[in-house]
Amino acid sequence: MVRISNRDYTEQYFKDHLFYVTAYLNSLSNRDKLGEFQQECMTLAIDYIKDRSLRILSLISPQREHLILDLGCGVGTLTIECAKRELFAVGIDFSNNAVKISKNLTRKLKITGNSEIVRADVQHLPFVPNVFDRIIAADLVEHLYRDQYRTALNDWFTALKNGGKIVIYTDNPDHLKYRSAFPFRLFSKLSSLFLRPIPIRPDKRLRDHVSRFTSLHVDLKSAAYLLKTLRQAGFDIVNRMFYLDVFSHQAHAYFIKRIYNLVRALPGIGSALELFACAHMSIVGKKSS
């Protein structure tokens, strides 16, 4: 079996990401030129990028004196978010295409003084031990085969300072869409009666991107597996969270979140509901001093 390699991460893959990240950074400055459905799709994408960034940064509570490592930085979204907050972040990616695009973006935003982009392999970090205060691995581990992930995890532990934290943010493979296609499609159709548009792959660009590059997600890792391997690598687990991707601007979003929280509070149901309903999850680990 031929493994996915750096060559499979084409320039188009990162340009698709850049399209939505640029829209987020520009705060929909061109929104008046879009049709109503396109506006809604763009808003969904921007809300996701915004929520993702806030979730991750709030989990690791970075301080201005911290040095942050953004693993598999892609087009530099989280490296940029850190730099905007006057935090110094180093973004690394193995793809030449990613490094080129993210460097150009940081230059355009004039934040190169608070950030650095480096081409490097997440399995073999080119840094001295005990140097980073925080490590971000957002939408990365699903791109790594298990042997690659286990090798990388040991390197990440070594790179962290004592007391430093790592956050892993990734897809939840126990979500309904991975468990069974038919119930997920049925749920999507029913949700369209209340949420417009359906908040799942809503526009052609996203659909085409997912169709073309879904094979790059070589191994979706369960929460149980991530918890186990983090502990084996020496990390203490700080917390684990699941995320319901329903955004505030969508019709009935408040009521959906309210019902979800009420059901989740029922004894014996909460954990199962999170696995079923939440498309993303995060785990924070700490390197004990």
C-alpha atoms as a PDB file:
ATOM      1  CA  MET A   1       0.000   0.000   0.000  1.00  0.00           C
ATOM      2  CA  VAL A   2       1.370   3.381  -1.057  1.00  0.00           C
ATOM      3  CA  ARG A   3       1.355   5.904   1.743  1.00  0.00           C
ATOM      4  CA  ILE A   4       0.259   9.510   1.469  1.00  0.00           C
ATOM      5  CA  SER A   5       3.290  11.781   1.171  1.00  0.00           C
ATOM      6  CA  ASN A   6       4.210  15.447   0.991  1.00  0.00           C
ATOM      7  CA  ARG A   7       3.567  15.402  -2.775  1.00  0.00           C
ATOM      8  CA  ASP A   8      -0.122  14.727  -2.182  1.00  0.00           C
ATOM      9  CA  TYR A   9      -0.507  18.067  -0.385  1.00  0.00           C
ATOM     10  CA  THR A  10      -0.820  20.097  -3.555  1.00  0.00           C
ATOM     11  CA  GLU A  11      -0.901  23.838  -3.935  1.00  0.00           C
ATOM     12  CA  GLN A  12      -4.643  23.603  -4.631  1.00  0.00           C
ATOM     13  CA  TYR A  13      -5.197  21.908  -1.263  1.00  0.00           C
ATOM     14  CA  PHE A  14      -3.762  24.896   0.566  1.00  0.00           C
ATOM     15  CA  LYS A  15      -5.352  27.450  -1.785  1.00  0.00           C
ATOM     16  CA  ASP A  16      -8.770  26.099  -0.804  1.00  0.00           C
ATOM     17  CA  HIS A  17      -7.884  26.652   2.857  1.00  0.00           C
ATOM     18  CA  LEU A  18      -6.473  30.076   2.075  1.00  0.00           C
ATOM     19  CA  PHE A  19      -9.720  31.143   0.388  1.00  0.00           C
ATOM     20  CA  TYR A  20     -11.731  30.785   3.597  1.00  0.00           C
ATOM     21  CA  VAL A  21      -8.993  31.977   5.928  1.00  0.00           C
ATOM     22  CA  THR A  22      -8.572  35.130   3.829  1.00  0.00           C
ATOM     23  CA  ALA A  23     -12.329  35.716   3.965  1.00  0.00           C
ATOM     24  CA  TYR A  24     -12.195  35.343   7.739  1.00  0.00           C
ATOM     25  CA  LEU A  25      -9.275  37.749   8.052  1.00  0.00           C
ATOM     26  CA  ASN A  26     -11.002  40.255   5.774  1.00  0.00           C
ATOM     27  CA  SER A  27     -14.214  39.944   7.805  1.00  0.00           C
ATOM     28  CA  LEU A  28     -16.352  39.387   4.718  1.00  0.00           C
ATOM     29  CA  SER A  29     -15.419  42.704   3.140  1.00  0.00           C
ATOM     30  CA  ASN A  30     -16.731  41.425  -0.210  1.00  0.00           C
ATOM     31  CA  ARG A  31     -19.989  40.052   1.173  1.00  0.00           C
ATOM     32  CA  ASP A  32     -22.221  42.416  -0.816  1.00  0.00           C
ATOM     33  CA  LYS A  33     -21.004  40.776  -4.026  1.00  0.00           C
ATOM     34  CA  LEU A  34     -22.216  37.327  -2.979  1.00  0.00           C
ATOM     35  CA  GLY A  35     -25.634  35.767  -3.346  1.00  0.00           C
ATOM     36  CA  GLU A  36     -27.668  34.955  -0.236  1.00  0.00           C
ATOM     37  CA  PHE A  37     -26.720  31.265  -0.200  1.00  0.00           C
ATOM     38  CA  GLN A  38     -23.058  32.089  -0.822  1.00  0.00           C
ATOM     39  CA  GLN A  39     -23.131  34.642   1.992  1.00  0.00           C
ATOM     40  CA  GLU A  40     -24.517  32.007   4.348  1.00  0.00           C
ATOM     41  CA  CYS A  41     -21.917  29.442   3.269  1.00  0.00           C
ATOM     42  CA  MET A  42     -19.113  31.941   3.751  1.00  0.00           C
ATOM     43  CA  THR A  43     -20.506  32.879   7.150  1.00  0.00           C
ATOM     44  CA  LEU A  44     -20.528  29.216   8.163  1.00  0.00           C
ATOM     45  CA  ALA A  45     -16.903  28.778   7.140  1.00  0.00           C
ATOM     46  CA  ILE A  46     -15.826  31.975   8.871  1.00  0.00           C
ATOM     47  CA  ASP A  47     -17.749  31.080  12.039  1.00  0.00           C
ATOM     48  CA  TYR A  48     -16.014  27.710  12.098  1.00  0.00           C
ATOM     49  CA  ILE A  49     -12.546  29.242  11.689  1.00  0.00           C
ATOM     50  CA  LYS A  50     -13.306  31.817  14.376  1.00  0.00           C
ATOM     51  CA  ASP A  51     -14.740  29.280  16.836  1.00  0.00           C
ATOM     52  CA  ARG A  52     -11.882  26.851  16.201  1.00  0.00           C
ATOM     53  CA  SER A  53      -9.274  29.520  16.923  1.00  0.00           C
ATOM     54  CA  LEU A  54     -11.011  30.692  20.093  1.00  0.00           C
ATOM     55  CA  ARG A  55     -11.493  27.139  21.339  1.00  0.00           C
ATOM     56  CA  ILE A  56      -7.862  26.191  20.886  1.00  0.00           C
ATOM     57  CA  LEU A  57      -6.311  29.336  22.326  1.00  0.00           C
ATOM     58  CA  SER A  58      -8.652  29.343  25.322  1.00  0.00           C
ATOM     59  CA  LEU A  59      -7.647  25.760  26.110  1.00  0.00           C
ATOM     60  CA  ILE A  60      -3.939  26.515  26.414  1.00  0.00           C
ATOM     61  CA  SER A  61      -4.229  29.999  27.993  1.00  0.00           C
ATOM     62  CA  PRO A  62      -1.110  31.425  26.320  1.00  0.00           C
ATOM     63  CA  GLN A  63       0.741  34.335  27.950  1.00  0.00           C
ATOM     64  CA  ARG A  64       2.769  37.031  26.201  1.00  0.00           C
ATOM     65  CA  GLU A  65       6.035  35.562  27.451  1.00  0.00           C
ATOM     66  CA  HIS A  66       5.201  32.109  26.061  1.00  0.00           C
ATOM     67  CA  LEU A  67       6.804  30.554  23.014  1.00  0.00           C
ATOM     68  CA  ILE A  68       4.194  28.656  20.992  1.00  0.00           C
ATOM     69  CA  LEU A  69       4.682  25.921  18.408  1.00  0.00           C
ATOM     70  CA  ASP A  70       1.974  25.454  15.784  1.00  0.00           C
ATOM     71  CA  LEU A  71       2.409  21.948  14.351  1.00  0.00           C
ATOM     72  CA  GLY A  72       1.259  21.366  10.773  1.00  0.00           C
ATOM     73  CA  CYS A  73       0.428  25.044  10.487  1.00  0.00           C
ATOM     74  CA  GLY A  74      -0.933  24.821   6.938  1.00  0.00           C
ATOM     75  CA  VAL A  75      -1.693  28.332   5.681  1.00  0.00           C
ATOM     76  CA  GLY A  76      -0.797  29.718   9.106  1.00  0.00           C
ATOM     77  CA  THR A  77      -4.220  30.351  10.604  1.00  0.00           C
ATOM     78  CA  LEU A  78      -3.323  29.726  14.242  1.00  0.00           C
ATOM     79  CA  THR A  79       0.186  31.122  13.937  1.00  0.00           C
ATOM     80  CA  ILE A  80      -1.444  34.334  12.723  1.00  0.00           C
ATOM     81  CA  GLU A  81      -4.042  34.274  15.516  1.00  0.00           C
ATOM     82  CA  CYS A  82      -1.235  34.047  18.064  1.00  0.00           C
ATOM     83  CA  ALA A  83       0.744  36.858  16.418  1.00  0.00           C
ATOM     84  CA  LYS A  84      -2.345  39.091  16.341  1.00  0.00           C
ATOM     85  CA  ARG A  85      -2.518  38.674  20.120  1.00  0.00           C
ATOM     86  CA  GLU A  86       1.150  39.718  20.444  1.00  0.00           C
ATOM     87  CA  LEU A  87       2.191  36.136  21.169  1.00  0.00           C
ATOM     88  CA  PHE A  88       5.250  34.698  19.457  1.00  0.00           C
ATOM     89  CA  ALA A  89       4.481  31.553  17.483  1.00  0.00           C
ATOM     90  CA  VAL A  90       6.543  29.269  15.301  1.00  0.00           C
ATOM     91  CA  GLY A  91       4.522  27.516  12.617  1.00  0.00           C
ATOM     92  CA  ILE A  92       5.956  24.413  11.008  1.00  0.00           C
ATOM     93  CA  ASP A  93       4.765  22.345   8.079  1.00  0.00           C
ATOM     94  CA  PHE A  94       6.413  19.663   5.965  1.00  0.00           C
ATOM     95  CA  SER A  95       4.800  20.935   2.763  1.00  0.00           C
ATOM     96  CA  ASN A  96       6.682  23.448   0.633  1.00  0.00           C
ATOM     97  CA  ASN A  97       3.305  24.718  -0.619  1.00  0.00           C
ATOM     98  CA  ALA A  98       2.104  25.402   2.918  1.00  0.00           C
ATOM     99  CA  VAL A  99       5.309  27.178   3.916  1.00  0.00           C
ATOM    100  CA  LYS A 100       5.233  29.375   0.809  1.00  0.00           C
ATOM    101  CA  ILE A 101       1.590  30.378   1.283  1.00  0.00           C
ATOM    102  CA  SER A 102       1.812  30.956   5.041  1.00  0.00           C
ATOM    103  CA  LYS A 103       4.989  33.036   4.715  1.00  0.00           C
ATOM    104  CA  ASN A 104       3.323  35.219   2.080  1.00  0.00           C
ATOM    105  CA  LEU A 105       0.263  35.653   4.276  1.00  0.00           C
ATOM    106  CA  THR A 106       2.240  36.660   7.360  1.00  0.00           C
ATOM    107  CA  ARG A 107       4.180  39.180   5.285  1.00  0.00           C
ATOM    108  CA  LYS A 108       0.972  40.689   3.882  1.00  0.00           C
ATOM    109  CA  LEU A 109      -0.432  40.990   7.401  1.00  0.00           C
ATOM    110  CA  LYS A 110       2.846  42.507   8.637  1.00  0.00           C
ATOM    111  CA  ILE A 111       3.144  40.144  11.591  1.00  0.00           C
ATOM    112  CA  THR A 112       6.508  38.584  10.766  1.00  0.00           C
ATOM    113  CA  GLY A 113       7.951  40.153  13.917  1.00  0.00           C
ATOM    114  CA  ASN A 114       5.708  37.948  16.076  1.00  0.00           C
ATOM    115  CA  SER A 115       5.913  34.777  14.034  1.00  0.00           C
ATOM    116  CA  GLU A 116       8.197  32.480  12.136  1.00  0.00           C
ATOM    117  CA  ILE A 117       7.326  29.846   9.549  1.00  0.00           C
ATOM    118  CA  VAL A 118       9.667  26.875   9.211  1.00  0.00           C
ATOM    119  CA  ARG A 119       9.618  23.864   6.904  1.00  0.00           C
ATOM    120  CA  ALA A 120      10.024  20.890   9.211  1.00  0.00           C
ATOM    121  CA  ASP A 121       8.769  17.384   9.914  1.00  0.00           C
ATOM    122  CA  VAL A 122       6.489  17.094  12.957  1.00  0.00           C
ATOM    123  CA  GLN A 123       8.075  13.703  13.665  1.00  0.00           C
ATOM    124  CA  HIS A 124      11.572  15.158  13.954  1.00  0.00           C
ATOM    125  CA  LEU A 125      11.462  18.691  15.320  1.00  0.00           C
ATOM    126  CA  PRO A 126      14.550  20.827  14.615  1.00  0.00           C
ATOM    127  CA  PHE A 127      14.524  22.426  18.059  1.00  0.00           C
ATOM    128  CA  VAL A 128      16.411  21.951  21.303  1.00  0.00           C
ATOM    129  CA  PRO A 129      14.540  20.144  24.102  1.00  0.00           C
ATOM    130  CA  ASN A 130      12.370  21.968  26.650  1.00  0.00           C
ATOM    131  CA  VAL A 131      11.969  25.151  24.602  1.00  0.00           C
ATOM    132  CA  PHE A 132       8.214  25.633  23.982  1.00  0.00           C
ATOM    133  CA  ASP A 133       5.590  26.677  26.534  1.00  0.00           C
ATOM    134  CA  ARG A 134       2.630  25.624  24.396  1.00  0.00           C
ATOM    135  CA  ILE A 135       2.194  23.278  21.448  1.00  0.00           C
ATOM    136  CA  ILE A 136      -0.815  23.311  19.127  1.00  0.00           C
ATOM    137  CA  ALA A 137      -1.665  20.245  17.021  1.00  0.00           C
ATOM    138  CA  ALA A 138      -4.868  21.353  15.315  1.00  0.00           C
ATOM    139  CA  ASP A 139      -6.340  19.177  12.561  1.00  0.00           C
ATOM    140  CA  LEU A 140      -3.019  17.370  12.338  1.00  0.00           C
ATOM    141  CA  VAL A 141      -3.131  13.913  13.929  1.00  0.00           C
ATOM    142  CA  GLU A 142      -5.685  12.623  11.408  1.00  0.00           C
ATOM    143  CA  HIS A 143      -3.036  13.251   8.722  1.00  0.00           C
ATOM    144  CA  LEU A 144      -0.518  10.972  10.470  1.00  0.00           C
ATOM    145  CA  TYR A 145      -0.309   7.200  10.335  1.00  0.00           C
ATOM    146  CA  ARG A 146      -0.200   5.642  13.789  1.00  0.00           C
ATOM    147  CA  ASP A 147       3.504   4.873  13.741  1.00  0.00           C
ATOM    148  CA  GLN A 148       4.207   8.455  12.620  1.00  0.00           C
ATOM    149  CA  TYR A 149       1.968   9.827  15.346  1.00  0.00           C
ATOM    150  CA  ARG A 150       3.628   7.760  18.087  1.00  0.00           C
ATOM    151  CA  THR A 151       7.081   8.880  16.944  1.00  0.00           C
ATOM    152  CA  ALA A 152       5.968  12.504  16.731  1.00  0.00           C
ATOM    153  CA  LEU A 153       4.295  12.459  20.149  1.00  0.00           C
ATOM    154  CA  ASN A 154       7.570  11.603  21.865  1.00  0.00           C
ATOM    155  CA  ASP A 155       9.276  14.467  20.032  1.00  0.00           C
ATOM    156  CA  TRP A 156       6.505  16.876  21.074  1.00  0.00           C
ATOM    157  CA  PHE A 157       6.916  15.854  24.694  1.00  0.00           C
ATOM    158  CA  THR A 158      10.655  16.510  24.494  1.00  0.00           C
ATOM    159  CA  ALA A 159      10.167  19.945  22.896  1.00  0.00           C
ATOM    160  CA  LEU A 160       7.830  21.155  25.673  1.00  0.00           C
ATOM    161  CA  LYS A 161       9.117  22.834  28.804  1.00  0.00           C
ATOM    162  CA  ASN A 162       8.209  21.301  32.144  1.00  0.00           C
ATOM    163  CA  GLY A 163       4.731  22.540  32.944  1.00  0.00           C
ATOM    164  CA  GLY A 164       4.050  23.207  29.264  1.00  0.00           C
ATOM    165  CA  LYS A 165       0.773  22.228  27.588  1.00  0.00           C
ATOM    166  CA  ILE A 166      -0.206  20.630  24.308  1.00  0.00           C
ATOM    167  CA  VAL A 167      -3.650  20.771  22.717  1.00  0.00           C
ATOM    168  CA  ILE A 168      -4.755  18.221  20.145  1.00  0.00           C
ATOM    169  CA  TYR A 169      -7.807  19.306  18.149  1.00  0.00           C
ATOM    170  CA  THR A 170      -9.184  16.824  15.636  1.00  0.00           C
ATOM    171  CA  ASP A 171     -12.187  15.157  14.036  1.00  0.00           C
ATOM    172  CA  ASN A 172     -14.221  12.848  16.237  1.00  0.00           C
ATOM    173  CA  PRO A 173     -14.327   9.438  14.468  1.00  0.00           C
ATOM    174  CA  ASP A 174     -17.242   8.315  16.656  1.00  0.00           C
ATOM    175  CA  HIS A 175     -19.469  11.037  15.189  1.00  0.00           C
ATOM    176  CA  LEU A 176     -22.554   9.800  13.348  1.00  0.00           C
ATOM    177  CA  LYS A 177     -21.201  10.818   9.924  1.00  0.00           C
ATOM    178  CA  TYR A 178     -18.360   8.310  10.279  1.00  0.00           C
ATOM    179  CA  ARG A 179     -20.440   5.609  11.905  1.00  0.00           C
ATOM    180  CA  SER A 180     -23.208   5.326   9.318  1.00  0.00           C
ATOM    181  CA  ALA A 181     -23.802   7.328   6.160  1.00  0.00           C
ATOM    182  CA  PHE A 182     -27.577   6.876   5.867  1.00  0.00           C
ATOM    183  CA  PRO A 183     -28.608   8.192   9.329  1.00  0.00           C
ATOM    184  CA  PHE A 184     -26.241  11.099   8.858  1.00  0.00           C
ATOM    185  CA  ARG A 185     -27.806  12.026   5.492  1.00  0.00           C
ATOM    186  CA  LEU A 186     -31.265  11.682   7.019  1.00  0.00           C
ATOM    187  CA  PHE A 187     -30.270  13.953   9.909  1.00  0.00           C
ATOM    188  CA  SER A 188     -28.863  16.461   7.399  1.00  0.00           C
ATOM    189  CA  LYS A 189     -32.123  16.521   5.446  1.00  0.00           C
ATOM    190  CA  LEU A 190     -34.191  16.975   8.588  1.00  0.00           C
ATOM    191  CA  SER A 191     -31.893  19.696   9.898  1.00  0.00           C
ATOM    192  CA  SER A 192     -32.414  21.655   6.676  1.00  0.00           C
ATOM    193  CA  LEU A 193     -35.976  22.292   7.841  1.00  0.00           C
ATOM    194  CA  PHE A 194     -34.587  24.320  10.747  1.00  0.00           C
ATOM    195  CA  LEU A 195     -31.082  25.401   9.736  1.00  0.00           C
ATOM    196  CA  ARG A 196     -30.341  27.091   6.451  1.00  0.00           C
ATOM    197  CA  PRO A 197     -28.274  26.025   4.776  1.00  0.00           C
ATOM    198  CA  ILE A 198     -27.373  22.573   6.093  1.00  0.00           C
ATOM    199  CA  PRO A 199     -24.218  23.254   8.133  1.00  0.00           C
ATOM    200  CA  ILE A 200     -22.346  20.329   6.593  1.00  0.00           C
ATOM    201  CA  ARG A 201     -20.147  20.872   3.494  1.00  0.00           C
ATOM    202  CA  PRO A 202     -22.456  23.645   2.358  1.00  0.00           C
ATOM    203  CA  ASP A 203     -20.937  24.960  -0.877  1.00  0.00           C
ATOM    204  CA  LYS A 204     -19.402  23.557  -4.038  1.00  0.00           C
ATOM    205  CA  ARG A 205     -15.856  24.621  -3.182  1.00  0.00           C
ATOM    206  CA  LEU A 206     -15.994  22.760   0.117  1.00  0.00           C
ATOM    207  CA  ARG A 207     -17.669  19.717  -1.430  1.00  0.00           C
ATOM    208  CA  ASP A 208     -15.045  19.550  -4.167  1.00  0.00           C
ATOM    209  CA  HIS A 209     -12.245  20.003  -1.635  1.00  0.00           C
ATOM    210  CA  VAL A 210     -13.540  17.200   0.586  1.00  0.00           C
ATOM    211  CA  SER A 211     -14.076  14.901  -2.396  1.00  0.00           C
ATOM    212  CA  ARG A 212     -10.582  15.525  -3.765  1.00  0.00           C
ATOM    213  CA  PHE A 213      -8.574  15.479  -0.543  1.00  0.00           C
ATOM    214  CA  THR A 214     -10.475  13.267   1.908  1.00  0.00           C
ATOM    215  CA  SER A 215      -7.838  10.547   1.440  1.00  0.00           C
ATOM    216  CA  LEU A 216      -5.332  12.786   3.248  1.00  0.00           C
ATOM    217  CA  HIS A 217      -7.114  11.938   6.505  1.00  0.00           C
ATOM    218  CA  VAL A 218      -5.245   8.667   6.759  1.00  0.00           C
ATOM    219  CA  ASP A 219      -6.185   7.756  10.331  1.00  0.00           C
ATOM    220  CA  LEU A 220      -8.944   9.264  12.457  1.00  0.00           C
ATOM    221  CA  LYS A 221      -7.994   8.633  16.070  1.00  0.00           C
ATOM    222  CA  SER A 222     -10.566   8.126  18.799  1.00  0.00           C
ATOM    223  CA  ALA A 223     -10.574  10.053  22.048  1.00  0.00           C
ATOM    224  CA  ALA A 224      -9.764   6.845  23.924  1.00  0.00           C
ATOM    225  CA  TYR A 225      -6.710   6.210  21.756  1.00  0.00           C
ATOM    226  CA  LEU A 226      -5.456   9.792  22.053  1.00  0.00           C
ATOM    227  CA  LEU A 227      -5.870   9.771  25.832  1.00  0.00           C
ATOM    228  CA  LYS A 228      -4.021   6.464  26.096  1.00  0.00           C
ATOM    229  CA  THR A 229      -1.091   7.522  23.901  1.00  0.00           C
ATOM    230  CA  LEU A 230      -0.723  10.929  25.525  1.00  0.00           C
ATOM    231  CA  ARG A 231      -0.445   9.280  28.939  1.00  0.00           C
ATOM    232  CA  GLN A 232       2.020   6.729  27.606  1.00  0.00           C
ATOM    233  CA  ALA A 233       4.180   9.557  26.245  1.00  0.00           C
ATOM    234  CA  GLY A 234       4.306  11.101  29.732  1.00  0.00           C
ATOM    235  CA  PHE A 235       1.574  13.745  29.583  1.00  0.00           C
ATOM    236  CA  ASP A 236      -0.944  14.382  32.337  1.00  0.00           C
ATOM    237  CA  ILE A 237      -4.429  14.917  30.926  1.00  0.00           C
ATOM    238  CA  VAL A 238      -5.820  18.360  31.742  1.00  0.00           C
ATOM    239  CA  ASN A 239      -9.147  18.067  29.954  1.00  0.00           C
ATOM    240  CA  ARG A 240     -11.094  16.570  27.073  1.00  0.00           C
ATOM    241  CA  MET A 241     -13.899  18.350  25.245  1.00  0.00           C
ATOM    242  CA  PHE A 242     -16.320  17.642  22.396  1.00  0.00           C
ATOM    243  CA  TYR A 243     -17.812  20.354  20.194  1.00  0.00           C
ATOM    244  CA  LEU A 244     -21.254  20.682  18.655  1.00  0.00           C
ATOM    245  CA  ASP A 245     -20.703  22.694  15.478  1.00  0.00           C
ATOM    246  CA  VAL A 246     -23.855  24.800  15.484  1.00  0.00           C
ATOM    247  CA  PHE A 247     -23.266  28.509  15.040  1.00  0.00           C
ATOM    248  CA  SER A 248     -25.074  31.431  16.585  1.00  0.00           C
ATOM    249  CA  HIS A 249     -26.270  33.069  13.366  1.00  0.00           C
ATOM    250  CA  GLN A 250     -28.185  29.951  12.250  1.00  0.00           C
ATOM    251  CA  ALA A 251     -31.923  29.724  12.767  1.00  0.00           C
ATOM    252  CA  HIS A 252     -32.894  27.887  15.953  1.00  0.00           C
ATOM    253  CA  ALA A 253     -29.232  27.485  16.971  1.00  0.00           C
ATOM    254  CA  TYR A 254     -30.013  28.606  20.531  1.00  0.00           C
ATOM    255  CA  PHE A 255     -32.735  25.971  20.925  1.00  0.00           C
ATOM    256  CA  ILE A 256     -30.585  23.195  19.433  1.00  0.00           C
ATOM    257  CA  LYS A 257     -27.760  23.986  21.847  1.00  0.00           C
ATOM    258  CA  ARG A 258     -30.232  24.241  24.719  1.00  0.00           C
ATOM    259  CA  ILE A 259     -31.762  20.836  23.964  1.00  0.00           C
ATOM    260  CA  TYR A 260     -28.311  19.312  23.485  1.00  0.00           C
ATOM    261  CA  ASN A 261     -27.112  20.609  26.865  1.00  0.00           C
ATOM    262  CA  LEU A 262     -30.261  19.410  28.626  1.00  0.00           C
ATOM    263  CA  VAL A 263     -29.997  15.905  27.161  1.00  0.00           C
ATOM    264  CA  ARG A 264     -26.255  15.768  27.808  1.00  0.00           C
ATOM    265  CA  ALA A 265     -26.924  16.434  31.524  1.00  0.00           C
ATOM    266  CA  LEU A 266     -29.067  13.302  31.865  1.00  0.00           C
ATOM    267  CA  PRO A 267     -27.342  10.483  33.798  1.00  0.00           C
ATOM    268  CA  GLY A 268     -25.749   7.886  31.539  1.00  0.00           C
ATOM    269  CA  ILE A 269     -26.500   9.792  28.354  1.00  0.00           C
ATOM    270  CA  GLY A 270     -23.995  12.651  28.205  1.00  0.00           C
ATOM    271  CA  SER A 271     -20.926  10.711  27.063  1.00  0.00           C
ATOM    272  CA  ALA A 272     -22.816   8.768  24.402  1.00  0.00           C
ATOM    273  CA  LEU A 273     -24.453  11.939  23.087  1.00  0.00           C
ATOM    274  CA  GLU A 274     -21.101  13.705  22.763  1.00  0.00           C
ATOM    275  CA  LEU A 275     -19.670  10.835  20.730  1.00  0.00           C
ATOM    276  CA  PHE A 276     -22.768  10.731  18.516  1.00  0.00           C
ATOM    277  CA  ALA A 277     -23.408  14.434  17.986  1.00  0.00           C
ATOM    278  CA  CYS A 278     -20.049  16.234  18.117  1.00  0.00           C
ATOM    279  CA  ALA A 279     -17.900  16.375  14.995  1.00  0.00           C
ATOM    280  CA  HIS A 280     -14.754  17.707  16.704  1.00  0.00           C
ATOM    281  CA  MET A 281     -12.915  17.162  19.953  1.00  0.00           C
ATOM    282  CA  SER A 282      -9.900  18.424  21.848  1.00  0.00           C
ATOM    283  CA  ILE A 283      -7.564  17.010  24.451  1.00  0.00           C
ATOM    284  CA  VAL A 284      -5.102  19.045  26.521  1.00  0.00           C
ATOM    285  CA  GLY A 285      -2.032  17.405  27.979  1.00  0.00           C
ATOM    286  CA  LYS A 286       0.531  18.824  30.381  1.00  0.00           C
ATOM    287  CA  LYS A 287       4.175  17.946  30.832  1.00  0.00           C
ATOM    288  CA  SER A 288       4.639  17.620  34.555  1.00  0.00           C
ATOM    289  CA  SER A 289       7.575  19.422  36.135  1.00  0.00           C
END
